[in-house]
N, C-alpha and C. Protein backbone atom coordinates (compact mmCIF):
# COMPACT_ATOMS: atom_id res chain seq x y z
N MET A 1 1.22 11.27 12.61
CA MET A 1 0.23 12.31 12.38
C MET A 1 -0.97 12.10 13.28
N SER A 2 -1.37 10.84 13.40
CA SER A 2 -2.50 10.53 14.26
C SER A 2 -2.22 10.94 15.70
N LEU A 3 -1.03 10.63 16.16
CA LEU A 3 -0.64 10.98 17.53
C LEU A 3 -0.64 12.50 17.71
N ALA A 4 -0.05 13.21 16.77
CA ALA A 4 0.05 14.67 16.87
C ALA A 4 -1.32 15.32 16.85
N LEU A 5 -2.18 14.91 15.93
CA LEU A 5 -3.51 15.52 15.86
C LEU A 5 -4.38 15.09 17.04
N GLY A 6 -4.16 13.88 17.53
CA GLY A 6 -4.89 13.43 18.72
C GLY A 6 -4.54 14.26 19.94
N LEU A 7 -3.28 14.63 20.04
CA LEU A 7 -2.86 15.47 21.16
C LEU A 7 -3.25 16.93 20.93
N LEU A 8 -3.25 17.38 19.69
CA LEU A 8 -3.60 18.75 19.36
C LEU A 8 -5.07 19.05 19.64
N VAL A 9 -5.93 18.08 19.44
CA VAL A 9 -7.37 18.31 19.58
C VAL A 9 -7.79 18.46 21.05
N VAL A 10 -7.00 17.92 21.97
CA VAL A 10 -7.38 17.95 23.40
C VAL A 10 -7.53 19.37 23.92
N PRO A 11 -6.53 20.25 23.82
CA PRO A 11 -6.71 21.61 24.35
C PRO A 11 -7.81 22.38 23.61
N ILE A 12 -8.02 22.09 22.36
CA ILE A 12 -9.08 22.76 21.60
C ILE A 12 -10.44 22.35 22.15
N GLU A 13 -10.62 21.06 22.36
CA GLU A 13 -11.91 20.54 22.82
C GLU A 13 -12.17 20.84 24.29
N GLN A 14 -11.15 20.91 25.11
CA GLN A 14 -11.33 21.11 26.56
C GLN A 14 -12.01 22.44 26.88
N ARG A 15 -11.98 23.38 25.97
CA ARG A 15 -12.58 24.70 26.20
C ARG A 15 -14.11 24.65 26.18
N TYR A 16 -14.66 23.56 25.66
CA TYR A 16 -16.11 23.48 25.50
C TYR A 16 -16.73 22.65 26.62
N GLU A 17 -17.93 23.06 27.02
CA GLU A 17 -18.62 22.44 28.14
C GLU A 17 -18.98 20.98 27.88
N LYS A 18 -19.43 20.67 26.68
CA LYS A 18 -19.87 19.31 26.36
C LYS A 18 -18.75 18.47 25.72
N ALA A 19 -17.54 18.87 25.94
CA ALA A 19 -16.39 18.19 25.33
C ALA A 19 -16.30 16.74 25.77
N MET A 20 -16.02 15.88 24.81
CA MET A 20 -15.83 14.44 25.07
C MET A 20 -14.35 14.09 25.08
N ILE A 21 -13.56 14.87 24.36
CA ILE A 21 -12.12 14.61 24.26
C ILE A 21 -11.43 15.51 25.28
N THR A 22 -11.23 14.97 26.46
CA THR A 22 -10.72 15.79 27.57
C THR A 22 -9.35 15.37 28.07
N SER A 23 -8.80 14.30 27.53
CA SER A 23 -7.48 13.84 27.97
C SER A 23 -6.67 13.41 26.76
N PRO A 24 -5.34 13.38 26.89
CA PRO A 24 -4.50 12.93 25.77
C PRO A 24 -4.84 11.50 25.33
N GLU A 25 -5.17 10.64 26.30
CA GLU A 25 -5.51 9.26 25.95
C GLU A 25 -6.75 9.20 25.06
N LEU A 26 -7.78 9.98 25.43
CA LEU A 26 -8.99 10.02 24.61
C LEU A 26 -8.72 10.66 23.26
N GLY A 27 -7.85 11.67 23.24
CA GLY A 27 -7.50 12.31 21.97
C GLY A 27 -6.82 11.35 21.01
N ILE A 28 -5.88 10.58 21.54
CA ILE A 28 -5.17 9.60 20.70
C ILE A 28 -6.14 8.50 20.26
N TRP A 29 -6.98 8.03 21.18
CA TRP A 29 -7.99 7.01 20.85
C TRP A 29 -8.88 7.50 19.71
N TRP A 30 -9.38 8.72 19.85
CA TRP A 30 -10.25 9.29 18.82
C TRP A 30 -9.51 9.41 17.49
N ALA A 31 -8.28 9.90 17.52
CA ALA A 31 -7.52 10.10 16.29
C ALA A 31 -7.23 8.79 15.58
N VAL A 32 -6.85 7.77 16.33
CA VAL A 32 -6.54 6.47 15.70
C VAL A 32 -7.79 5.84 15.11
N THR A 33 -8.90 5.86 15.85
CA THR A 33 -10.13 5.26 15.31
C THR A 33 -10.64 6.05 14.12
N THR A 34 -10.44 7.35 14.11
CA THR A 34 -10.86 8.17 12.97
C THR A 34 -9.96 7.92 11.76
N LEU A 35 -8.66 7.89 11.99
CA LEU A 35 -7.70 7.70 10.89
C LEU A 35 -7.88 6.35 10.21
N THR A 36 -8.14 5.31 11.00
CA THR A 36 -8.29 3.97 10.43
C THR A 36 -9.65 3.73 9.80
N GLY A 37 -10.56 4.66 9.97
CA GLY A 37 -11.87 4.51 9.37
C GLY A 37 -12.85 3.73 10.23
N VAL A 38 -12.41 3.32 11.41
CA VAL A 38 -13.30 2.57 12.31
C VAL A 38 -14.36 3.52 12.87
N GLY A 39 -13.92 4.61 13.46
CA GLY A 39 -14.82 5.64 13.96
C GLY A 39 -15.98 5.12 14.78
N TYR A 40 -15.72 4.59 15.95
CA TYR A 40 -16.77 4.01 16.79
C TYR A 40 -17.86 5.01 17.13
N GLY A 41 -17.53 6.27 17.27
CA GLY A 41 -18.52 7.28 17.63
C GLY A 41 -18.69 7.45 19.12
N ASP A 42 -17.88 6.73 19.91
CA ASP A 42 -17.97 6.87 21.36
C ASP A 42 -17.36 8.17 21.84
N VAL A 43 -16.40 8.70 21.09
CA VAL A 43 -15.75 9.97 21.41
C VAL A 43 -15.75 10.79 20.12
N VAL A 44 -16.34 11.98 20.19
CA VAL A 44 -16.39 12.85 19.00
C VAL A 44 -16.07 14.28 19.38
N PRO A 45 -15.49 15.04 18.48
CA PRO A 45 -15.23 16.46 18.77
C PRO A 45 -16.54 17.25 18.70
N VAL A 46 -16.63 18.28 19.52
CA VAL A 46 -17.83 19.12 19.52
C VAL A 46 -17.56 20.49 18.92
N SER A 47 -16.30 20.88 18.80
CA SER A 47 -15.97 22.20 18.26
C SER A 47 -15.78 22.12 16.76
N PHE A 48 -15.91 23.26 16.14
CA PHE A 48 -15.71 23.35 14.69
C PHE A 48 -14.27 22.97 14.33
N THR A 49 -13.32 23.49 15.09
CA THR A 49 -11.90 23.20 14.83
C THR A 49 -11.62 21.72 15.02
N GLY A 50 -12.18 21.13 16.06
CA GLY A 50 -12.01 19.69 16.29
C GLY A 50 -12.57 18.87 15.16
N ARG A 51 -13.70 19.30 14.63
CA ARG A 51 -14.31 18.58 13.50
C ARG A 51 -13.48 18.74 12.23
N LEU A 52 -12.87 19.90 12.06
CA LEU A 52 -11.97 20.08 10.91
C LEU A 52 -10.77 19.13 11.01
N ILE A 53 -10.23 19.01 12.21
CA ILE A 53 -9.13 18.07 12.42
C ILE A 53 -9.61 16.65 12.12
N GLY A 54 -10.83 16.34 12.52
CA GLY A 54 -11.41 15.03 12.22
C GLY A 54 -11.53 14.78 10.73
N MET A 55 -11.97 15.80 10.01
CA MET A 55 -12.07 15.65 8.55
C MET A 55 -10.70 15.42 7.93
N ALA A 56 -9.70 16.14 8.42
CA ALA A 56 -8.34 15.95 7.91
C ALA A 56 -7.86 14.53 8.18
N LEU A 57 -8.16 14.02 9.37
CA LEU A 57 -7.76 12.65 9.71
C LEU A 57 -8.48 11.63 8.82
N GLU A 58 -9.76 11.84 8.59
CA GLU A 58 -10.53 10.92 7.75
C GLU A 58 -9.98 10.87 6.33
N ILE A 59 -9.73 12.04 5.75
CA ILE A 59 -9.20 12.11 4.39
C ILE A 59 -7.81 11.48 4.33
N THR A 60 -6.99 11.80 5.32
CA THR A 60 -5.64 11.23 5.37
C THR A 60 -5.70 9.71 5.49
N GLY A 61 -6.59 9.21 6.31
CA GLY A 61 -6.71 7.76 6.49
C GLY A 61 -7.14 7.06 5.22
N VAL A 62 -8.14 7.60 4.54
CA VAL A 62 -8.62 6.99 3.30
C VAL A 62 -7.53 7.00 2.24
N VAL A 63 -6.87 8.14 2.09
CA VAL A 63 -5.82 8.26 1.08
C VAL A 63 -4.64 7.34 1.42
N SER A 64 -4.24 7.32 2.69
CA SER A 64 -3.10 6.50 3.10
C SER A 64 -3.35 5.02 2.87
N PHE A 65 -4.51 4.55 3.30
CA PHE A 65 -4.79 3.13 3.12
C PHE A 65 -5.00 2.78 1.65
N GLY A 66 -5.58 3.71 0.89
CA GLY A 66 -5.71 3.48 -0.55
C GLY A 66 -4.35 3.38 -1.22
N LEU A 67 -3.42 4.27 -0.85
CA LEU A 67 -2.08 4.22 -1.41
C LEU A 67 -1.35 2.94 -1.01
N LEU A 68 -1.54 2.52 0.23
CA LEU A 68 -0.90 1.29 0.70
C LEU A 68 -1.37 0.09 -0.11
N VAL A 69 -2.66 -0.01 -0.33
CA VAL A 69 -3.21 -1.12 -1.11
C VAL A 69 -2.71 -1.04 -2.56
N ALA A 70 -2.69 0.16 -3.13
CA ALA A 70 -2.22 0.33 -4.50
C ALA A 70 -0.74 -0.05 -4.64
N LEU A 71 0.08 0.35 -3.68
CA LEU A 71 1.51 0.00 -3.72
C LEU A 71 1.72 -1.50 -3.60
N MET A 72 0.95 -2.13 -2.74
CA MET A 72 1.07 -3.59 -2.59
C MET A 72 0.64 -4.29 -3.87
N ALA A 73 -0.43 -3.85 -4.48
CA ALA A 73 -0.90 -4.45 -5.73
C ALA A 73 0.12 -4.26 -6.84
N ALA A 74 0.71 -3.08 -6.93
CA ALA A 74 1.73 -2.82 -7.95
C ALA A 74 2.95 -3.70 -7.73
N ALA A 75 3.36 -3.88 -6.48
CA ALA A 75 4.52 -4.73 -6.19
C ALA A 75 4.24 -6.18 -6.56
N ILE A 76 3.06 -6.65 -6.26
CA ILE A 76 2.69 -8.04 -6.61
C ILE A 76 2.66 -8.20 -8.12
N GLU A 77 2.07 -7.24 -8.82
CA GLU A 77 1.99 -7.32 -10.27
C GLU A 77 3.39 -7.27 -10.90
N ARG A 78 4.27 -6.40 -10.36
CA ARG A 78 5.63 -6.31 -10.88
C ARG A 78 6.37 -7.62 -10.69
N ARG A 79 6.21 -8.25 -9.54
CA ARG A 79 6.88 -9.52 -9.28
C ARG A 79 6.36 -10.61 -10.22
N GLU A 80 5.05 -10.63 -10.43
CA GLU A 80 4.45 -11.61 -11.33
C GLU A 80 4.94 -11.41 -12.76
N GLU A 81 5.00 -10.15 -13.20
CA GLU A 81 5.47 -9.86 -14.54
C GLU A 81 6.93 -10.27 -14.70
N ARG A 82 7.75 -10.01 -13.71
CA ARG A 82 9.16 -10.40 -13.75
C ARG A 82 9.29 -11.92 -13.86
N TRP A 83 8.43 -12.65 -13.14
CA TRP A 83 8.47 -14.11 -13.19
C TRP A 83 8.14 -14.59 -14.60
N TYR A 84 7.10 -14.00 -15.22
CA TYR A 84 6.73 -14.41 -16.57
C TYR A 84 7.84 -14.09 -17.58
N TRP A 85 8.49 -12.92 -17.46
CA TRP A 85 9.58 -12.57 -18.38
C TRP A 85 10.76 -13.51 -18.19
N ASN A 86 11.09 -13.84 -16.94
CA ASN A 86 12.19 -14.77 -16.69
C ASN A 86 11.88 -16.13 -17.30
N ARG A 87 10.64 -16.56 -17.13
CA ARG A 87 10.24 -17.85 -17.70
C ARG A 87 10.32 -17.81 -19.23
N LEU A 88 9.90 -16.72 -19.83
CA LEU A 88 9.97 -16.58 -21.28
C LEU A 88 11.41 -16.62 -21.77
N TRP A 89 12.32 -15.91 -21.08
CA TRP A 89 13.73 -15.91 -21.48
C TRP A 89 14.35 -17.30 -21.32
N GLU A 90 13.98 -18.01 -20.27
CA GLU A 90 14.49 -19.37 -20.09
C GLU A 90 14.05 -20.26 -21.23
N ARG A 91 12.78 -20.16 -21.62
CA ARG A 91 12.28 -20.97 -22.73
C ARG A 91 12.96 -20.59 -24.04
N LEU A 92 13.18 -19.29 -24.23
CA LEU A 92 13.85 -18.83 -25.45
C LEU A 92 15.27 -19.36 -25.52
N HIS A 93 16.00 -19.31 -24.39
CA HIS A 93 17.36 -19.85 -24.37
C HIS A 93 17.36 -21.36 -24.61
N HIS A 94 16.39 -22.03 -24.06
CA HIS A 94 16.28 -23.47 -24.26
C HIS A 94 16.04 -23.79 -25.75
N LEU A 95 15.14 -23.03 -26.38
CA LEU A 95 14.88 -23.22 -27.80
C LEU A 95 16.11 -22.88 -28.64
N ASP A 96 16.83 -21.85 -28.25
CA ASP A 96 18.04 -21.45 -28.95
C ASP A 96 19.09 -22.56 -28.88
N ASP A 97 19.23 -23.16 -27.69
CA ASP A 97 20.16 -24.28 -27.54
C ASP A 97 19.77 -25.45 -28.42
N LYS A 98 18.49 -25.76 -28.47
CA LYS A 98 18.02 -26.86 -29.32
C LYS A 98 18.29 -26.57 -30.79
N LEU A 99 18.05 -25.33 -31.20
CA LEU A 99 18.30 -24.94 -32.58
C LEU A 99 19.77 -25.06 -32.92
N ASN A 100 20.65 -24.62 -32.02
CA ASN A 100 22.09 -24.75 -32.24
C ASN A 100 22.49 -26.21 -32.39
N LYS A 101 21.93 -27.08 -31.56
CA LYS A 101 22.25 -28.51 -31.66
C LYS A 101 21.79 -29.08 -32.99
N LEU A 102 20.60 -28.67 -33.43
CA LEU A 102 20.11 -29.15 -34.72
C LEU A 102 20.98 -28.66 -35.87
N GLU A 103 21.41 -27.41 -35.80
CA GLU A 103 22.27 -26.87 -36.85
C GLU A 103 23.60 -27.60 -36.89
N LYS A 104 24.17 -27.90 -35.73
CA LYS A 104 25.44 -28.63 -35.68
C LYS A 104 25.26 -30.04 -36.23
N LYS A 105 24.14 -30.66 -35.87
CA LYS A 105 23.88 -32.02 -36.36
C LYS A 105 23.70 -32.00 -37.87
N GLU A 106 23.02 -30.98 -38.40
CA GLU A 106 22.81 -30.87 -39.84
C GLU A 106 24.14 -30.68 -40.55
N GLU A 107 25.02 -29.82 -40.01
CA GLU A 107 26.34 -29.61 -40.59
C GLU A 107 27.13 -30.91 -40.59
N PHE A 108 27.04 -31.65 -39.52
CA PHE A 108 27.75 -32.93 -39.42
C PHE A 108 27.22 -33.89 -40.47
N GLU A 109 25.92 -33.95 -40.62
CA GLU A 109 25.30 -34.86 -41.60
C GLU A 109 25.70 -34.47 -43.02
N ILE A 110 25.77 -33.17 -43.30
CA ILE A 110 26.13 -32.71 -44.63
C ILE A 110 27.59 -33.07 -44.91
N LYS A 111 28.49 -32.84 -43.94
CA LYS A 111 29.90 -33.15 -44.13
C LYS A 111 30.09 -34.67 -44.25
N LYS A 112 29.29 -35.42 -43.56
CA LYS A 112 29.39 -36.88 -43.56
C LYS A 112 28.97 -37.44 -44.91
N ASN A 113 27.98 -36.83 -45.52
CA ASN A 113 27.46 -37.31 -46.80
C ASN A 113 28.26 -36.81 -47.99
N VAL A 114 29.09 -35.81 -47.79
CA VAL A 114 29.86 -35.28 -48.91
C VAL A 114 31.04 -36.12 -49.22
C-alpha cells in the first residue's frame, strides 16, 4: 500500500509549482516515512489530494502497527496460558498417580490384616 500510494502521489503533486514530491523515489520515501510514523518532514505534499493520501497513510500506519502489537501480545499471552494449563494438568496427573498408589497400598494393607 505504501508503494502504491507513494507512486500515486507523484503525478498528483507534479502539477503544482511548489511540489516537493516530484519523482517516484521521493514518493516512495515520503509514503514509507509517513506510514511508519517517522515523518521527517523533509518531503511533504502541497496539494489537497496529496494531503488526503498522507492522512490515509498515517491512519493506516497507526492502525497496522497497533494491530501488529496487539496480535503479538495475544500470541504471547496464549502461549503463556497454554504453558500454565499444561503444567496444571501434569501436576494433576502426578497427584492422581500418587492417589492411586496410596489406594492400592491401603487395599494391600487391609487384605494383609484380614
